[in-house]
């Protein structure tokens, strides 16, 4: 038989209201009373009926997270962080992937799951501001990622320009002066790849180091094979960098494979820095130095923003919220200074 609030109240010798206050994490319960009720909950194995709780508030208890590609380790790790952050507030996460296609991102953002979810966290790659103007769906929306939008929706990102400058500064500090950037895109200047390109260029310029176009490697995507192709094209053109800053860790890993095949040693001949701090970067023959965004902070900010909208906090929407980042130094940039 399912344990009820009444059962817990009788075991603890308190009112049903007091048990409800503890279960719902209301702050005005004394520590002693909270401990007493919690002991009864643990003894009886009580589990709150989350579905009923959400339905009383007119909710489903489900939020959606839509990312470009679940096969990309960064987005998989981010999804795990969002699931954990949502669980702290008794929400379940519905995962969706858009393949980074504008049409699919528009479909998701316009509420094709509106009757199923209470809110949407969307990490777009191709979505434009115009796609969200006049959005009719009233499901709360939070945007993730480094594309810049001037829209009435909270947007959570890191400072890509500053993060890129930090990575390039690290390479300069290691005595490198022919530093390539792999990951440029030819589309919107607000693409994260081009914001990181901007940081690469700014840091080199400030250091008085040349930033020629032949050290910029364009890519068609941001996976391992894209990095491998970009690195091979650069080397085939006779361009020999002594360091590489890659758009993300997957691009960096692809580049490192080609460097190995061409007889160039990482880090002695070519130092490499990635971006995202995915777990894979810790287990190669040469571990990867990387920029590590705080994925847990991004997830917490995203969930908190949705809850704020659901609770009707009354604050103006369209906030730009930033998460911290740091450089994780590993073997791919050790060596000469």
Protein backbone atom coordinates (compact mmCIF):
# COMPACT_ATOMS: atom_id res chain seq x y z
CA UNK A 1 0.00 0.00 0.00
CA UNK A 2 1.25 3.48 -0.88
CA UNK A 3 2.41 5.51 2.12
CA UNK A 4 0.45 8.75 2.50
CA UNK A 5 1.07 12.13 4.12
CA UNK A 6 -1.34 11.05 6.84
CA UNK A 7 0.79 7.98 7.61
CA UNK A 8 3.90 10.16 7.93
CA UNK A 9 2.06 12.66 10.11
CA UNK A 10 0.88 9.94 12.48
CA UNK A 11 4.37 8.44 12.74
CA UNK A 12 5.95 11.85 13.42
CA UNK A 13 3.15 13.02 15.70
CA UNK A 14 2.54 16.19 13.71
CA UNK A 15 -0.15 17.59 11.44
CA UNK A 16 -0.52 16.67 7.77
CA UNK A 17 0.12 20.36 7.00
CA UNK A 18 3.51 20.20 8.74
CA UNK A 19 4.48 17.13 6.73
CA UNK A 20 3.38 18.90 3.54
CA UNK A 21 5.51 21.92 4.45
CA UNK A 22 8.56 19.69 4.89
CA UNK A 23 7.96 17.75 1.66
CA UNK A 24 7.50 20.99 -0.27
CA UNK A 25 10.66 22.45 1.28
CA UNK A 26 9.00 25.49 2.83
CA UNK A 27 11.48 27.50 4.86
CA UNK A 28 9.43 28.29 7.94
CA UNK A 29 9.68 24.78 9.45
CA UNK A 30 12.11 24.60 12.38
CA UNK A 31 15.20 22.39 11.94
CA UNK A 32 14.09 20.11 14.77
CA UNK A 33 10.63 19.63 13.29
CA UNK A 34 12.08 19.08 9.80
CA UNK A 35 14.42 16.38 11.15
CA UNK A 36 11.54 14.71 13.01
CA UNK A 37 9.36 14.56 9.90
CA UNK A 38 12.25 13.48 7.68
CA UNK A 39 12.97 10.60 10.04
CA UNK A 40 9.36 9.43 9.68
CA UNK A 41 9.55 9.81 5.88
CA UNK A 42 12.71 7.68 5.78
CA UNK A 43 11.30 5.01 8.07
CA UNK A 44 8.09 4.63 6.06
CA UNK A 45 9.69 5.06 2.64
CA UNK A 46 7.31 7.83 1.69
CA UNK A 47 7.63 9.17 -1.87
CA UNK A 48 5.71 12.31 -2.85
CA UNK A 49 3.30 12.11 -5.77
CA UNK A 50 5.08 14.57 -8.04
CA UNK A 51 2.50 14.23 -10.82
CA UNK A 52 -0.32 15.30 -8.52
CA UNK A 53 1.77 18.15 -7.15
CA UNK A 54 2.47 19.54 -10.61
CA UNK A 55 -1.13 19.06 -11.76
CA UNK A 56 -2.39 21.12 -8.82
CA UNK A 57 -0.31 23.98 -10.24
CA UNK A 58 -1.52 23.36 -13.79
CA UNK A 59 1.77 21.87 -14.90
CA UNK A 60 3.04 18.62 -16.34
CA UNK A 61 6.31 18.53 -14.39
CA UNK A 62 8.26 18.17 -17.63
CA UNK A 63 10.68 20.60 -19.27
CA UNK A 64 12.30 20.03 -22.65
CA UNK A 65 15.95 20.41 -23.61
CA UNK A 66 16.64 20.66 -27.34
CA UNK A 67 20.26 20.48 -28.48
CA UNK A 68 21.86 20.20 -31.93
CA UNK A 69 23.37 16.76 -31.52
CA UNK A 70 23.16 14.30 -28.64
CA UNK A 71 26.07 12.38 -30.16
CA UNK A 72 28.34 15.34 -29.42
CA UNK A 73 29.86 14.65 -25.97
CA UNK A 74 29.56 18.29 -24.92
CA UNK A 75 25.80 18.30 -25.42
CA UNK A 76 25.47 14.87 -23.80
CA UNK A 77 27.34 16.13 -20.73
CA UNK A 78 25.29 19.34 -20.70
CA UNK A 79 22.08 17.30 -20.91
CA UNK A 80 23.15 15.31 -17.87
CA UNK A 81 23.77 18.53 -15.96
CA UNK A 82 20.34 19.91 -16.93
CA UNK A 83 18.65 16.67 -15.85
CA UNK A 84 20.38 16.89 -12.46
CA UNK A 85 19.49 20.57 -12.03
CA UNK A 86 15.84 19.95 -12.96
CA UNK A 87 15.60 16.98 -10.60
CA UNK A 88 16.48 19.24 -7.69
CA UNK A 89 13.17 21.00 -8.40
CA UNK A 90 11.22 17.78 -9.06
CA UNK A 91 11.08 18.26 -12.82
CA UNK A 92 11.69 15.62 -15.47
CA UNK A 93 13.58 16.51 -18.67
CA UNK A 94 12.43 15.54 -22.16
CA UNK A 95 15.39 15.45 -24.56
CA UNK A 96 15.18 16.42 -28.21
CA UNK A 97 17.79 17.05 -30.88
CA UNK A 98 17.53 19.38 -33.83
CA UNK A 99 20.55 18.25 -35.88
CA UNK A 100 21.50 21.95 -35.89
CA UNK A 101 18.96 22.55 -38.67
CA UNK A 102 17.14 25.85 -38.73
CA UNK A 103 13.82 24.34 -39.75
CA UNK A 104 13.88 21.91 -36.83
CA UNK A 105 14.97 24.64 -34.39
CA UNK A 106 12.05 26.80 -35.50
CA UNK A 107 9.64 23.88 -35.09
CA UNK A 108 10.86 23.20 -31.56
CA UNK A 109 10.80 26.87 -30.57
CA UNK A 110 7.26 27.38 -31.84
CA UNK A 111 5.83 24.89 -29.40
CA UNK A 112 5.09 21.66 -31.21
CA UNK A 113 5.29 19.96 -27.79
CA UNK A 114 3.51 22.77 -25.97
CA UNK A 115 0.86 20.54 -24.38
CA UNK A 116 3.49 18.20 -23.02
CA UNK A 117 6.02 20.56 -21.42
CA UNK A 118 6.13 23.43 -18.95
CA UNK A 119 9.17 25.10 -20.48
CA UNK A 120 11.86 24.78 -23.15
CA UNK A 121 15.63 25.12 -22.97
CA UNK A 122 16.93 25.47 -26.53
CA UNK A 123 20.53 25.45 -27.74
CA UNK A 124 20.32 26.63 -31.37
CA UNK A 125 22.98 26.75 -34.07
CA UNK A 126 21.14 28.20 -37.05
CA UNK A 127 18.08 29.90 -35.53
CA UNK A 128 17.84 33.62 -36.33
CA UNK A 129 16.27 36.36 -34.22
CA UNK A 130 13.59 36.82 -36.87
CA UNK A 131 12.47 33.23 -36.31
CA UNK A 132 11.41 34.05 -32.75
CA UNK A 133 9.83 37.44 -33.35
CA UNK A 134 6.09 37.14 -32.88
CA UNK A 135 6.43 33.73 -31.26
CA UNK A 136 2.90 32.73 -30.29
CA UNK A 137 3.68 29.83 -28.00
CA UNK A 138 3.48 30.96 -24.36
CA UNK A 139 5.64 28.13 -23.01
CA UNK A 140 8.66 29.77 -21.28
CA UNK A 141 11.82 29.67 -23.39
CA UNK A 142 15.47 29.94 -22.39
CA UNK A 143 18.26 30.09 -24.99
CA UNK A 144 21.68 28.52 -24.54
CA UNK A 145 24.88 28.86 -26.49
CA UNK A 146 27.00 31.55 -27.96
CA UNK A 147 24.81 32.87 -30.74
CA UNK A 148 23.81 36.41 -29.80
CA UNK A 149 20.15 37.39 -29.86
CA UNK A 150 18.34 40.63 -29.10
CA UNK A 151 15.14 38.99 -27.91
CA UNK A 152 12.90 38.95 -24.83
CA UNK A 153 14.19 35.54 -23.71
CA UNK A 154 16.87 34.80 -21.16
CA UNK A 155 20.12 33.80 -22.86
CA UNK A 156 22.86 31.86 -21.08
CA UNK A 157 26.39 31.63 -22.46
CA UNK A 158 30.03 32.17 -21.67
CA UNK A 159 32.17 35.03 -22.94
CA UNK A 160 33.59 33.35 -26.05
CA UNK A 161 35.91 36.18 -26.98
CA UNK A 162 37.49 36.25 -23.53
CA UNK A 163 37.73 32.45 -23.42
CA UNK A 164 39.46 32.34 -26.81
CA UNK A 165 41.88 35.05 -25.77
CA UNK A 166 42.76 33.07 -22.65
CA UNK A 167 43.52 29.98 -24.76
CA UNK A 168 45.70 31.91 -27.21
CA UNK A 169 47.46 33.73 -24.36
CA UNK A 170 48.36 30.35 -22.92
CA UNK A 171 49.89 29.24 -26.22
CA UNK A 172 51.85 32.47 -26.54
CA UNK A 173 53.11 31.91 -23.02
CA UNK A 174 54.38 28.54 -24.19
CA UNK A 175 56.55 30.27 -26.78
CA UNK A 176 54.29 29.68 -29.78
CA UNK A 177 53.96 32.34 -32.46
CA UNK A 178 52.41 30.63 -35.52
CA UNK A 179 49.09 29.84 -33.92
CA UNK A 180 46.36 28.49 -36.18
CA UNK A 181 42.63 28.64 -35.55
CA UNK A 182 40.53 25.68 -36.75
CA UNK A 183 36.76 26.09 -36.81
CA UNK A 184 35.92 29.27 -38.71
CA UNK A 185 32.53 29.55 -40.38
CA UNK A 186 31.58 31.84 -43.25
CA UNK A 187 28.10 32.64 -41.94
CA UNK A 188 26.88 35.02 -39.20
CA UNK A 189 29.50 36.95 -37.28
CA UNK A 190 27.52 36.05 -34.16
CA UNK A 191 28.30 32.35 -34.61
CA UNK A 192 30.31 31.08 -31.63
CA UNK A 193 33.03 29.89 -34.01
CA UNK A 194 33.53 33.44 -35.25
CA UNK A 195 33.42 34.92 -31.77
CA UNK A 196 36.28 32.57 -30.88
CA UNK A 197 38.02 33.60 -34.09
CA UNK A 198 37.66 37.20 -32.96
CA UNK A 199 39.29 36.36 -29.64
CA UNK A 200 42.13 34.54 -31.43
CA UNK A 201 42.78 37.57 -33.61
CA UNK A 202 42.54 40.11 -30.78
CA UNK A 203 44.98 38.26 -28.53
CA UNK A 204 47.55 37.78 -31.30
CA UNK A 205 47.28 41.42 -32.31
CA UNK A 206 47.76 42.60 -28.74
CA UNK A 207 50.87 40.43 -28.47
CA UNK A 208 52.24 41.86 -31.71
CA UNK A 209 51.99 38.52 -33.49
CA UNK A 210 50.74 38.16 -37.05
CA UNK A 211 47.29 36.66 -37.60
CA UNK A 212 47.32 35.85 -41.35
CA UNK A 213 44.32 34.32 -43.08
CA UNK A 214 46.27 31.21 -44.05
CA UNK A 215 46.35 30.26 -40.36
CA UNK A 216 42.55 30.22 -40.23
CA UNK A 217 41.04 26.82 -41.05
CA UNK A 218 37.38 26.88 -42.13
CA UNK A 219 35.18 23.88 -41.35
CA UNK A 220 31.86 22.55 -42.56
CA UNK A 221 30.96 21.20 -39.11
CA UNK A 222 32.48 20.70 -35.68
CA UNK A 223 33.22 17.01 -35.41
CA UNK A 224 36.45 15.02 -35.42
CA UNK A 225 36.53 14.56 -39.20
CA UNK A 226 35.99 18.30 -39.72
CA UNK A 227 39.06 19.03 -37.64
CA UNK A 228 41.03 16.37 -39.49
CA UNK A 229 40.08 17.78 -42.90
CA UNK A 230 40.86 21.38 -41.87
CA UNK A 231 44.25 20.39 -40.48
CA UNK A 232 45.12 18.35 -43.57
CA UNK A 233 44.16 21.22 -45.92
CA UNK A 234 46.35 23.63 -44.01
CA UNK A 235 49.37 21.33 -44.04
CA UNK A 236 48.83 20.42 -47.71
CA UNK A 237 48.92 24.16 -48.53
CA UNK A 238 52.40 24.34 -47.02
CA UNK A 239 51.31 26.15 -43.85
CA UNK A 240 53.06 24.82 -40.74
CA UNK A 241 51.72 26.24 -37.48
CA UNK A 242 53.50 25.62 -34.22
CA UNK A 243 50.20 25.66 -32.32
CA UNK A 244 46.50 25.10 -32.95
CA UNK A 245 43.52 26.59 -31.15
CA UNK A 246 40.44 24.60 -32.13
CA UNK A 247 36.78 25.58 -31.98
CA UNK A 248 36.04 22.58 -29.79
CA UNK A 249 37.64 19.41 -28.46
CA UNK A 250 36.30 17.24 -31.28
CA UNK A 251 37.92 19.48 -33.90
CA UNK A 252 41.14 19.43 -31.84
CA UNK A 253 41.11 15.62 -31.60
CA UNK A 254 40.66 15.33 -35.37
CA UNK A 255 43.54 17.76 -35.93
CA UNK A 256 45.80 15.85 -33.54
CA UNK A 257 45.21 12.66 -35.48
CA UNK A 258 46.35 14.26 -38.73
CA UNK A 259 49.38 15.82 -37.04
CA UNK A 260 50.35 12.35 -35.79
CA UNK A 261 49.92 10.86 -39.27
CA UNK A 262 52.15 13.59 -40.74
CA UNK A 263 54.91 12.91 -38.23
CA UNK A 264 54.36 16.10 -36.24
CA UNK A 265 54.58 15.57 -32.50
CA UNK A 266 52.09 17.10 -30.07
CA UNK A 267 53.06 19.15 -28.14
CA UNK A 268 56.71 19.45 -29.17
CA UNK A 269 56.17 20.36 -32.82
CA UNK A 270 52.59 21.63 -32.53
CA UNK A 271 50.77 22.50 -29.31
CA UNK A 272 46.98 22.10 -29.31
CA UNK A 273 44.17 23.66 -27.27
CA UNK A 274 40.53 22.60 -27.55
CA UNK A 275 37.29 23.91 -26.11
CA UNK A 276 34.49 22.24 -24.07
CA UNK A 277 36.47 19.93 -21.75
CA UNK A 278 34.74 16.72 -22.81
CA UNK A 279 35.80 13.53 -21.04
CA UNK A 280 37.34 12.09 -24.23
CA UNK A 281 40.07 14.72 -24.09
CA UNK A 282 41.49 13.14 -20.94
CA UNK A 283 42.10 9.71 -22.44
CA UNK A 284 44.03 10.15 -25.69
CA UNK A 285 47.67 9.19 -26.12
CA UNK A 286 48.27 12.91 -25.51
CA UNK A 287 45.70 14.46 -23.19
CA UNK A 288 44.12 17.67 -24.40
CA UNK A 289 44.45 21.15 -22.93
CA UNK A 290 41.04 22.78 -23.17
CA UNK A 291 38.78 25.66 -22.22
CA UNK A 292 36.29 24.29 -19.71
CA UNK A 293 32.89 26.01 -19.53
CA UNK A 294 31.06 25.47 -16.25
CA UNK A 295 28.36 23.12 -17.59
CA UNK A 296 26.77 22.69 -14.18
CA UNK A 297 26.40 26.46 -13.80
CA UNK A 298 24.92 26.74 -17.29
CA UNK A 299 22.39 24.04 -16.41
CA UNK A 300 21.48 25.60 -13.07
CA UNK A 301 21.01 29.03 -14.64
CA UNK A 302 18.83 27.59 -17.40
CA UNK A 303 16.54 25.68 -15.04
CA UNK A 304 16.34 28.63 -12.63
CA UNK A 305 15.37 30.94 -15.50
CA UNK A 306 12.54 28.63 -16.54
CA UNK A 307 11.29 28.32 -12.97
CA UNK A 308 11.39 32.09 -12.60
CA UNK A 309 9.15 32.42 -15.65
CA UNK A 310 6.81 29.70 -14.41
CA UNK A 311 6.47 31.36 -11.03
CA UNK A 312 5.82 34.76 -12.64
CA UNK A 313 8.67 36.54 -10.89
CA UNK A 314 7.84 39.72 -12.78
CA UNK A 315 11.42 40.48 -13.73
CA UNK A 316 12.02 41.68 -17.29
CA UNK A 317 12.96 38.88 -19.66
CA UNK A 318 15.79 39.00 -22.14
CA UNK A 319 18.60 38.83 -19.57
CA UNK A 320 22.11 37.94 -20.66
CA UNK A 321 23.43 35.48 -18.07
CA UNK A 322 27.02 34.29 -18.18
CA UNK A 323 28.71 31.22 -16.74
CA UNK A 324 32.35 30.98 -15.74
CA UNK A 325 35.07 29.14 -17.65
CA UNK A 326 38.66 28.09 -16.99
CA UNK A 327 41.66 26.68 -18.81
CA UNK A 328 42.52 23.07 -18.01
CA UNK A 329 46.17 22.46 -18.85
CA UNK A 330 47.12 18.97 -20.00
CA UNK A 331 49.82 17.32 -22.09
CA UNK A 332 48.98 18.84 -25.48
CA UNK A 333 50.55 22.19 -24.51
CA UNK A 334 53.45 21.01 -22.40
CA UNK A 335 56.95 21.35 -23.76
CA UNK A 336 58.97 24.33 -24.87
CA UNK A 337 58.39 27.85 -23.65
